[in-house]
All heavy atoms as atom14 arrays in JSON, in Angstrom:
{
  "sequence": "DIPVALAWGWQRRFGVPVRSFLVQRTIPGGVDLAEYIRRATDR",
  "atom14_mask": [
    [1, 1, 1, 1, 1, 1, 1, 1, 0, 0, 0, 0, 0, 0],
    [1, 1, 1, 1, 1, 1, 1, 1, 0, 0, 0, 0, 0, 0],
    [1, 1, 1, 1, 1, 1, 1, 0, 0, 0, 0, 0, 0, 0],
    [1, 1, 1, 1, 1, 1, 1, 0, 0, 0, 0, 0, 0, 0],
    [1, 1, 1, 1, 1, 0, 0, 0, 0, 0, 0, 0, 0, 0],
    [1, 1, 1, 1, 1, 1, 1, 1, 0, 0, 0, 0, 0, 0],
    [1, 1, 1, 1, 1, 0, 0, 0, 0, 0, 0, 0, 0, 0],
    [1, 1, 1, 1, 1, 1, 1, 1, 1, 1, 1, 1, 1, 1],
    [1, 1, 1, 1, 0, 0, 0, 0, 0, 0, 0, 0, 0, 0],
    [1, 1, 1, 1, 1, 1, 1, 1, 1, 1, 1, 1, 1, 1],
    [1, 1, 1, 1, 1, 1, 1, 1, 1, 0, 0, 0, 0, 0],
    [1, 1, 1, 1, 1, 1, 1, 1, 1, 1, 1, 0, 0, 0],
    [1, 1, 1, 1, 1, 1, 1, 1, 1, 1, 1, 0, 0, 0],
    [1, 1, 1, 1, 1, 1, 1, 1, 1, 1, 1, 0, 0, 0],
    [1, 1, 1, 1, 0, 0, 0, 0, 0, 0, 0, 0, 0, 0],
    [1, 1, 1, 1, 1, 1, 1, 0, 0, 0, 0, 0, 0, 0],
    [1, 1, 1, 1, 1, 1, 1, 0, 0, 0, 0, 0, 0, 0],
    [1, 1, 1, 1, 1, 1, 1, 0, 0, 0, 0, 0, 0, 0],
    [1, 1, 1, 1, 1, 1, 1, 1, 1, 1, 1, 0, 0, 0],
    [1, 1, 1, 1, 1, 1, 0, 0, 0, 0, 0, 0, 0, 0],
    [1, 1, 1, 1, 1, 1, 1, 1, 1, 1, 1, 0, 0, 0],
    [1, 1, 1, 1, 1, 1, 1, 1, 0, 0, 0, 0, 0, 0],
    [1, 1, 1, 1, 1, 1, 1, 0, 0, 0, 0, 0, 0, 0],
    [1, 1, 1, 1, 1, 1, 1, 1, 1, 0, 0, 0, 0, 0],
    [1, 1, 1, 1, 1, 1, 1, 1, 1, 1, 1, 0, 0, 0],
    [1, 1, 1, 1, 1, 1, 1, 0, 0, 0, 0, 0, 0, 0],
    [1, 1, 1, 1, 1, 1, 1, 1, 0, 0, 0, 0, 0, 0],
    [1, 1, 1, 1, 1, 1, 1, 0, 0, 0, 0, 0, 0, 0],
    [1, 1, 1, 1, 0, 0, 0, 0, 0, 0, 0, 0, 0, 0],
    [1, 1, 1, 1, 0, 0, 0, 0, 0, 0, 0, 0, 0, 0],
    [1, 1, 1, 1, 1, 1, 1, 0, 0, 0, 0, 0, 0, 0],
    [1, 1, 1, 1, 1, 1, 1, 1, 0, 0, 0, 0, 0, 0],
    [1, 1, 1, 1, 1, 1, 1, 1, 0, 0, 0, 0, 0, 0],
    [1, 1, 1, 1, 1, 0, 0, 0, 0, 0, 0, 0, 0, 0],
    [1, 1, 1, 1, 1, 1, 1, 1, 1, 0, 0, 0, 0, 0],
    [1, 1, 1, 1, 1, 1, 1, 1, 1, 1, 1, 1, 0, 0],
    [1, 1, 1, 1, 1, 1, 1, 1, 0, 0, 0, 0, 0, 0],
    [1, 1, 1, 1, 1, 1, 1, 1, 1, 1, 1, 0, 0, 0],
    [1, 1, 1, 1, 1, 1, 1, 1, 1, 1, 1, 0, 0, 0],
    [1, 1, 1, 1, 1, 0, 0, 0, 0, 0, 0, 0, 0, 0],
    [1, 1, 1, 1, 1, 1, 1, 0, 0, 0, 0, 0, 0, 0],
    [1, 1, 1, 1, 1, 1, 1, 1, 0, 0, 0, 0, 0, 0],
    [1, 1, 1, 1, 1, 1, 1, 1, 1, 1, 1, 0, 0, 0]
  ],
  "atom14_positions": [
    [[0.85, -1.19, 0.0], [0.0, 0.0, 0.0], [0.88, 1.24, 0.0], [1.41, 1.64, 1.03], [-0.91, -0.02, 1.23], [-1.99, 1.06, 1.17], [-2.05, 1.79, 0.17], [-2.76, 1.17, 2.14], [0.0, 0.0, 0.0], [0.0, 0.0, 0.0], [0.0, 0.0, 0.0], [0.0, 0.0, 0.0], [0.0, 0.0, 0.0], [0.0, 0.0, 0.0]],
    [[1.07, 1.82, -1.17], [1.89, 3.02, -1.3], [1.18, 3.97, -2.27], [0.25, 3.57, -2.97], [3.33, 2.68, -1.77], [3.31, 1.76, -3.0], [4.11, 1.97, -0.68], [3.44, 2.45, -4.27], [0.0, 0.0, 0.0], [0.0, 0.0, 0.0], [0.0, 0.0, 0.0], [0.0, 0.0, 0.0], [0.0, 0.0, 0.0], [0.0, 0.0, 0.0]],
    [[1.61, 5.24, -2.34], [0.92, 6.2, -3.21], [1.03, 5.81, -4.69], [1.94, 5.08, -5.11], [1.67, 7.51, -2.94], [2.28, 7.33, -1.6], [2.63, 5.88, -1.51], [0.0, 0.0, 0.0], [0.0, 0.0, 0.0], [0.0, 0.0, 0.0], [0.0, 0.0, 0.0], [0.0, 0.0, 0.0], [0.0, 0.0, 0.0], [0.0, 0.0, 0.0]],
    [[0.1, 6.33, -5.47], [0.06, 6.08, -6.91], [0.89, 7.14, -7.62], [0.62, 8.34, -7.5], [-1.38, 6.1, -7.44], [-1.4, 5.92, -8.95], [-2.21, 5.02, -6.75], [0.0, 0.0, 0.0], [0.0, 0.0, 0.0], [0.0, 0.0, 0.0], [0.0, 0.0, 0.0], [0.0, 0.0, 0.0], [0.0, 0.0, 0.0], [0.0, 0.0, 0.0]],
    [[1.91, 6.71, -8.34], [2.75, 7.63, -9.1], [2.08, 7.98, -10.42], [1.55, 7.1, -11.11], [4.12, 7.01, -9.37], [0.0, 0.0, 0.0], [0.0, 0.0, 0.0], [0.0, 0.0, 0.0], [0.0, 0.0, 0.0], [0.0, 0.0, 0.0], [0.0, 0.0, 0.0], [0.0, 0.0, 0.0], [0.0, 0.0, 0.0], [0.0, 0.0, 0.0]],
    [[2.1, 9.27, -10.79], [1.46, 9.72, -12.02], [2.46, 10.22, -13.05], [2.26, 10.01, -14.26], [0.45, 10.83, -11.72], [-0.67, 10.47, -10.74], [-1.57, 11.68, -10.52], [-1.48, 9.29, -11.24], [0.0, 0.0, 0.0], [0.0, 0.0, 0.0], [0.0, 0.0, 0.0], [0.0, 0.0, 0.0], [0.0, 0.0, 0.0], [0.0, 0.0, 0.0]],
    [[3.51, 10.89, -12.61], [4.47, 11.45, -13.57], [5.75, 11.86, -12.85], [5.75, 12.1, -11.63], [3.87, 12.67, -14.28], [0.0, 0.0, 0.0], [0.0, 0.0, 0.0], [0.0, 0.0, 0.0], [0.0, 0.0, 0.0], [0.0, 0.0, 0.0], [0.0, 0.0, 0.0], [0.0, 0.0, 0.0], [0.0, 0.0, 0.0], [0.0, 0.0, 0.0]],
    [[6.82, 11.94, -13.6], [8.06, 12.5, -13.09], [8.83, 13.1, -14.26], [8.54, 12.83, -15.42], [8.91, 11.43, -12.39], [9.73, 10.6, -13.33], [9.29, 9.6, -14.14], [11.14, 10.74, -13.62], [10.31, 9.08, -14.89], [11.46, 9.77, -14.59], [12.14, 11.58, -13.14], [12.74, 9.62, -15.09], [13.43, 11.43, -13.64], [13.72, 10.46, -14.6]],
    [[9.81, 13.92, -13.92], [10.66, 14.48, -14.97], [11.89, 15.13, -14.37], [11.93, 15.43, -13.18], [0.0, 0.0, 0.0], [0.0, 0.0, 0.0], [0.0, 0.0, 0.0], [0.0, 0.0, 0.0], [0.0, 0.0, 0.0], [0.0, 0.0, 0.0], [0.0, 0.0, 0.0], [0.0, 0.0, 0.0], [0.0, 0.0, 0.0], [0.0, 0.0, 0.0]],
    [[12.9, 15.33, -15.21], [14.07, 16.05, -14.73], [14.71, 16.86, -15.84], [14.47, 16.66, -17.03], [15.09, 15.12, -14.07], [15.77, 14.09, -14.93], [15.8, 14.0, -16.29], [16.55, 12.98, -14.45], [16.53, 12.92, -16.69], [17.01, 12.28, -15.6], [16.91, 12.52, -13.2], [17.8, 11.14, -15.49], [17.7, 11.39, -13.1], [18.13, 10.71, -14.23]],
    [[15.52, 17.79, -15.41], [16.35, 18.61, -16.29], [17.8, 18.23, -16.01], [18.23, 18.22, -14.86], [16.14, 20.09, -16.01], [17.07, 21.0, -16.8], [17.22, 22.38, -16.14], [17.38, 22.46, -14.93], [17.14, 23.42, -16.94], [0.0, 0.0, 0.0], [0.0, 0.0, 0.0], [0.0, 0.0, 0.0], [0.0, 0.0, 0.0], [0.0, 0.0, 0.0]],
    [[18.53, 17.89, -17.06], [19.93, 17.53, -16.89], [20.82, 18.52, -17.64], [20.47, 18.98, -18.73], [20.2, 16.12, -17.41], [19.54, 15.02, -16.6], [19.96, 13.65, -17.07], [19.6, 13.42, -18.47], [20.05, 12.43, -19.21], [20.9, 11.56, -18.7], [19.67, 12.29, -20.46], [0.0, 0.0, 0.0], [0.0, 0.0, 0.0], [0.0, 0.0, 0.0]],
    [[21.95, 18.8, -17.05], [22.97, 19.62, -17.7], [24.25, 18.82, -17.79], [24.76, 18.36, -16.77], [23.2, 20.92, -16.91], [22.02, 21.86, -16.94], [22.25, 23.1, -16.13], [21.09, 23.97, -16.14], [20.9, 24.97, -15.3], [21.81, 25.24, -14.35], [19.81, 25.73, -15.37], [0.0, 0.0, 0.0], [0.0, 0.0, 0.0], [0.0, 0.0, 0.0]],
    [[24.7, 18.62, -19.02], [25.89, 17.81, -19.28], [25.76, 16.44, -18.62], [26.71, 15.9, -18.05], [27.14, 18.54, -18.81], [27.35, 19.86, -19.49], [27.0, 21.04, -18.85], [27.85, 19.92, -20.78], [27.17, 22.26, -19.49], [28.01, 21.14, -21.42], [27.67, 22.31, -20.78], [0.0, 0.0, 0.0], [0.0, 0.0, 0.0], [0.0, 0.0, 0.0]],
    [[24.55, 15.88, -18.7], [24.29, 14.53, -18.21], [23.98, 14.41, -16.73], [23.65, 13.32, -16.26], [0.0, 0.0, 0.0], [0.0, 0.0, 0.0], [0.0, 0.0, 0.0], [0.0, 0.0, 0.0], [0.0, 0.0, 0.0], [0.0, 0.0, 0.0], [0.0, 0.0, 0.0], [0.0, 0.0, 0.0], [0.0, 0.0, 0.0], [0.0, 0.0, 0.0]],
    [[24.06, 15.5, -15.99], [23.85, 15.46, -14.53], [22.52, 16.09, -14.18], [22.25, 17.24, -14.57], [25.0, 16.18, -13.8], [24.75, 16.18, -12.29], [26.33, 15.54, -14.12], [0.0, 0.0, 0.0], [0.0, 0.0, 0.0], [0.0, 0.0, 0.0], [0.0, 0.0, 0.0], [0.0, 0.0, 0.0], [0.0, 0.0, 0.0], [0.0, 0.0, 0.0]],
    [[21.63, 15.41, -13.43], [20.35, 16.0, -13.04], [20.54, 17.25, -12.17], [21.35, 17.24, -11.24], [19.66, 14.88, -12.24], [20.35, 13.63, -12.67], [21.75, 14.01, -12.97], [0.0, 0.0, 0.0], [0.0, 0.0, 0.0], [0.0, 0.0, 0.0], [0.0, 0.0, 0.0], [0.0, 0.0, 0.0], [0.0, 0.0, 0.0], [0.0, 0.0, 0.0]],
    [[19.77, 18.29, -12.48], [19.82, 19.53, -11.71], [18.47, 19.8, -11.03], [18.41, 20.1, -9.85], [20.18, 20.72, -12.62], [20.16, 22.03, -11.83], [21.54, 20.5, -13.26], [0.0, 0.0, 0.0], [0.0, 0.0, 0.0], [0.0, 0.0, 0.0], [0.0, 0.0, 0.0], [0.0, 0.0, 0.0], [0.0, 0.0, 0.0], [0.0, 0.0, 0.0]],
    [[17.39, 19.67, -11.79], [16.04, 19.86, -11.24], [15.18, 18.64, -11.59], [15.34, 18.07, -12.67], [15.38, 21.12, -11.82], [16.11, 22.4, -11.53], [15.31, 23.61, -12.01], [15.15, 23.63, -13.46], [14.27, 24.39, -14.11], [13.45, 25.18, -13.42], [14.2, 24.37, -15.43], [0.0, 0.0, 0.0], [0.0, 0.0, 0.0], [0.0, 0.0, 0.0]],
    [[14.29, 18.28, -10.68], [13.43, 17.12, -10.94], [12.12, 17.28, -10.19], [12.04, 18.0, -9.19], [14.12, 15.82, -10.54], [14.65, 15.9, -9.23], [0.0, 0.0, 0.0], [0.0, 0.0, 0.0], [0.0, 0.0, 0.0], [0.0, 0.0, 0.0], [0.0, 0.0, 0.0], [0.0, 0.0, 0.0], [0.0, 0.0, 0.0], [0.0, 0.0, 0.0]],
    [[11.06, 16.63, -10.69], [9.75, 16.69, -10.03], [9.09, 15.32, -10.07], [9.41, 14.47, -10.9], [8.85, 17.74, -10.69], [8.24, 17.28, -11.99], [7.03, 16.58, -12.03], [8.88, 17.54, -13.21], [6.48, 16.15, -13.23], [8.33, 17.11, -14.41], [7.12, 16.41, -14.42], [0.0, 0.0, 0.0], [0.0, 0.0, 0.0], [0.0, 0.0, 0.0]],
    [[8.13, 15.14, -9.17], [7.35, 13.91, -9.08], [5.91, 14.28, -8.75], [5.67, 15.12, -7.88], [7.92, 13.0, -8.0], [7.11, 11.74, -7.64], [7.13, 10.75, -8.79], [7.67, 11.1, -6.37], [0.0, 0.0, 0.0], [0.0, 0.0, 0.0], [0.0, 0.0, 0.0], [0.0, 0.0, 0.0], [0.0, 0.0, 0.0], [0.0, 0.0, 0.0]],
    [[4.96, 13.67, -9.46], [3.53, 13.86, -9.17], [2.94, 12.52, -8.76], [3.14, 11.5, -9.43], [2.76, 14.4, -10.4], [1.29, 14.64, -10.04], [3.39, 15.67, -10.92], [0.0, 0.0, 0.0], [0.0, 0.0, 0.0], [0.0, 0.0, 0.0], [0.0, 0.0, 0.0], [0.0, 0.0, 0.0], [0.0, 0.0, 0.0], [0.0, 0.0, 0.0]],
    [[2.22, 12.53, -7.65], [1.55, 11.32, -7.18], [0.22, 11.69, -6.54], [-0.03, 12.85, -6.26], [2.43, 10.55, -6.19], [2.78, 11.35, -4.94], [3.87, 10.69, -4.13], [4.89, 10.28, -4.66], [3.66, 10.59, -2.83], [0.0, 0.0, 0.0], [0.0, 0.0, 0.0], [0.0, 0.0, 0.0], [0.0, 0.0, 0.0], [0.0, 0.0, 0.0]],
    [[-0.62, 10.7, -6.34], [-1.9, 10.95, -5.69], [-1.72, 11.09, -4.18], [-0.85, 10.44, -3.59], [-2.9, 9.84, -5.99], [-3.28, 9.76, -7.45], [-4.71, 9.3, -7.65], [-5.08, 9.38, -9.07], [-5.52, 10.47, -9.66], [-5.64, 11.58, -8.95], [-5.83, 10.47, -10.94], [0.0, 0.0, 0.0], [0.0, 0.0, 0.0], [0.0, 0.0, 0.0]],
    [[-2.53, 11.95, -3.58], [-2.48, 12.1, -2.13], [-3.17, 10.92, -1.45], [-3.85, 10.12, -2.09], [-3.17, 13.41, -1.7], [-4.53, 13.4, -2.19], [-2.45, 14.62, -2.25], [0.0, 0.0, 0.0], [0.0, 0.0, 0.0], [0.0, 0.0, 0.0], [0.0, 0.0, 0.0], [0.0, 0.0, 0.0], [0.0, 0.0, 0.0], [0.0, 0.0, 0.0]],
    [[-2.99, 10.83, -0.15], [-3.69, 9.86, 0.68], [-4.85, 10.6, 1.33], [-4.65, 11.36, 2.29], [-2.76, 9.27, 1.76], [-1.44, 8.78, 1.14], [-3.46, 8.17, 2.53], [-1.61, 7.71, 0.1], [0.0, 0.0, 0.0], [0.0, 0.0, 0.0], [0.0, 0.0, 0.0], [0.0, 0.0, 0.0], [0.0, 0.0, 0.0], [0.0, 0.0, 0.0]],
    [[-6.09, 10.45, 0.83], [-7.21, 11.25, 1.34], [-7.39, 11.09, 2.85], [-7.52, 9.97, 3.36], [-8.42, 10.68, 0.59], [-7.84, 10.08, -0.66], [-6.5, 9.53, -0.25], [0.0, 0.0, 0.0], [0.0, 0.0, 0.0], [0.0, 0.0, 0.0], [0.0, 0.0, 0.0], [0.0, 0.0, 0.0], [0.0, 0.0, 0.0], [0.0, 0.0, 0.0]],
    [[-7.33, 12.22, 3.55], [-7.52, 12.2, 4.99], [-6.36, 11.67, 5.79], [-6.43, 11.56, 7.02], [0.0, 0.0, 0.0], [0.0, 0.0, 0.0], [0.0, 0.0, 0.0], [0.0, 0.0, 0.0], [0.0, 0.0, 0.0], [0.0, 0.0, 0.0], [0.0, 0.0, 0.0], [0.0, 0.0, 0.0], [0.0, 0.0, 0.0], [0.0, 0.0, 0.0]],
    [[-5.25, 11.35, 5.12], [-4.12, 10.76, 5.82], [-3.27, 11.79, 6.56], [-3.17, 12.94, 6.14], [0.0, 0.0, 0.0], [0.0, 0.0, 0.0], [0.0, 0.0, 0.0], [0.0, 0.0, 0.0], [0.0, 0.0, 0.0], [0.0, 0.0, 0.0], [0.0, 0.0, 0.0], [0.0, 0.0, 0.0], [0.0, 0.0, 0.0], [0.0, 0.0, 0.0]],
    [[-2.67, 11.37, 7.66], [-1.71, 12.2, 8.4], [-0.47, 11.35, 8.64], [-0.56, 10.12, 8.76], [-2.27, 12.71, 9.73], [-3.46, 13.64, 9.51], [-2.67, 11.57, 10.65], [0.0, 0.0, 0.0], [0.0, 0.0, 0.0], [0.0, 0.0, 0.0], [0.0, 0.0, 0.0], [0.0, 0.0, 0.0], [0.0, 0.0, 0.0], [0.0, 0.0, 0.0]],
    [[0.68, 12.0, 8.73], [1.87, 11.2, 8.98], [1.85, 10.71, 10.44], [1.16, 11.25, 11.3], [3.15, 11.95, 8.63], [3.42, 13.16, 9.5], [3.45, 13.01, 10.74], [3.6, 14.26, 8.96], [0.0, 0.0, 0.0], [0.0, 0.0, 0.0], [0.0, 0.0, 0.0], [0.0, 0.0, 0.0], [0.0, 0.0, 0.0], [0.0, 0.0, 0.0]],
    [[2.61, 9.66, 10.7], [2.57, 9.03, 12.01], [3.0, 9.98, 13.11], [2.48, 9.9, 14.24], [3.45, 7.77, 12.0], [3.46, 6.94, 13.28], [2.06, 6.46, 13.64], [4.42, 5.75, 13.12], [0.0, 0.0, 0.0], [0.0, 0.0, 0.0], [0.0, 0.0, 0.0], [0.0, 0.0, 0.0], [0.0, 0.0, 0.0], [0.0, 0.0, 0.0]],
    [[3.94, 10.87, 12.82], [4.37, 11.84, 13.83], [3.2, 12.73, 14.26], [2.99, 12.97, 15.45], [5.51, 12.7, 13.28], [0.0, 0.0, 0.0], [0.0, 0.0, 0.0], [0.0, 0.0, 0.0], [0.0, 0.0, 0.0], [0.0, 0.0, 0.0], [0.0, 0.0, 0.0], [0.0, 0.0, 0.0], [0.0, 0.0, 0.0], [0.0, 0.0, 0.0]],
    [[2.43, 13.21, 13.29], [1.26, 14.04, 13.6], [0.19, 13.21, 14.31], [-0.47, 13.71, 15.23], [0.7, 14.64, 12.31], [-0.46, 15.6, 12.51], [-0.07, 16.86, 13.25], [1.13, 17.2, 13.29], [-0.97, 17.5, 13.82], [0.0, 0.0, 0.0], [0.0, 0.0, 0.0], [0.0, 0.0, 0.0], [0.0, 0.0, 0.0], [0.0, 0.0, 0.0]],
    [[0.02, 11.97, 13.89], [-0.96, 11.1, 14.54], [-0.63, 10.93, 16.02], [-1.51, 10.99, 16.89], [-0.99, 9.74, 13.84], [-1.91, 8.75, 14.52], [-3.27, 8.71, 14.22], [-1.41, 7.86, 15.48], [-4.11, 7.81, 14.86], [-2.25, 6.97, 16.13], [-3.59, 6.95, 15.81], [-4.42, 6.07, 16.46], [0.0, 0.0, 0.0], [0.0, 0.0, 0.0]],
    [[0.64, 10.71, 16.34], [1.05, 10.53, 17.73], [0.73, 11.77, 18.54], [0.29, 11.69, 19.7], [2.55, 10.19, 17.8], [2.81, 8.8, 17.2], [3.06, 10.23, 19.24], [4.28, 8.48, 17.0], [0.0, 0.0, 0.0], [0.0, 0.0, 0.0], [0.0, 0.0, 0.0], [0.0, 0.0, 0.0], [0.0, 0.0, 0.0], [0.0, 0.0, 0.0]],
    [[0.93, 12.94, 17.95], [0.65, 14.19, 18.67], [-0.85, 14.39, 18.9], [-1.26, 14.93, 19.93], [1.22, 15.38, 17.9], [2.73, 15.51, 17.97], [3.2, 16.83, 17.42], [3.07, 16.91, 15.98], [4.03, 16.54, 15.13], [5.17, 16.05, 15.59], [3.85, 16.65, 13.83], [0.0, 0.0, 0.0], [0.0, 0.0, 0.0], [0.0, 0.0, 0.0]],
    [[-1.67, 13.96, 17.93], [-3.11, 14.22, 18.0], [-3.89, 13.18, 18.77], [-4.81, 13.5, 19.53], [-3.69, 14.31, 16.59], [-3.27, 15.51, 15.78], [-4.03, 15.46, 14.45], [-3.58, 16.48, 13.52], [-4.1, 16.6, 12.3], [-5.04, 15.77, 11.88], [-3.65, 17.54, 11.48], [0.0, 0.0, 0.0], [0.0, 0.0, 0.0], [0.0, 0.0, 0.0]],
    [[-3.61, 11.91, 18.51], [-4.45, 10.83, 19.02], [-4.3, 10.68, 20.53], [-3.19, 10.72, 21.07], [-4.12, 9.52, 18.32], [0.0, 0.0, 0.0], [0.0, 0.0, 0.0], [0.0, 0.0, 0.0], [0.0, 0.0, 0.0], [0.0, 0.0, 0.0], [0.0, 0.0, 0.0], [0.0, 0.0, 0.0], [0.0, 0.0, 0.0], [0.0, 0.0, 0.0]],
    [[-5.42, 10.5, 21.22], [-5.4, 10.35, 22.67], [-5.98, 9.02, 23.14], [-5.73, 8.61, 24.27], [-6.21, 11.5, 23.32], [-7.55, 11.49, 22.81], [-5.56, 12.85, 23.04], [0.0, 0.0, 0.0], [0.0, 0.0, 0.0], [0.0, 0.0, 0.0], [0.0, 0.0, 0.0], [0.0, 0.0, 0.0], [0.0, 0.0, 0.0], [0.0, 0.0, 0.0]],
    [[-6.76, 8.34, 22.3], [-7.36, 7.08, 22.69], [-6.32, 5.97, 22.7], [-5.7, 5.67, 21.67], [-8.51, 6.73, 21.73], [-9.21, 5.45, 22.15], [-10.14, 5.54, 22.97], [-8.83, 4.37, 21.66], [0.0, 0.0, 0.0], [0.0, 0.0, 0.0], [0.0, 0.0, 0.0], [0.0, 0.0, 0.0], [0.0, 0.0, 0.0], [0.0, 0.0, 0.0]],
    [[-6.13, 5.34, 23.86], [-5.07, 4.33, 24.0], [-5.27, 3.16, 23.07], [-4.32, 2.71, 22.4], [-5.03, 3.84, 25.46], [-4.07, 2.68, 25.71], [-4.03, 2.3, 27.18], [-3.23, 1.1, 27.39], [-3.7, -0.14, 27.33], [-4.99, -0.34, 27.03], [-2.9, -1.17, 27.54], [0.0, 0.0, 0.0], [0.0, 0.0, 0.0], [0.0, 0.0, 0.0]]
  ]
}
């Protein structure tokens, strides 16, 4: 269970990547575990 990748790309200069991007789908309503630990109170 991992995010869905949609696209990526990069710009290279003399064969070396300089800038790059990645597009993927979000996790609806998801929070990272660090934030979950801070928020959740029910044992």
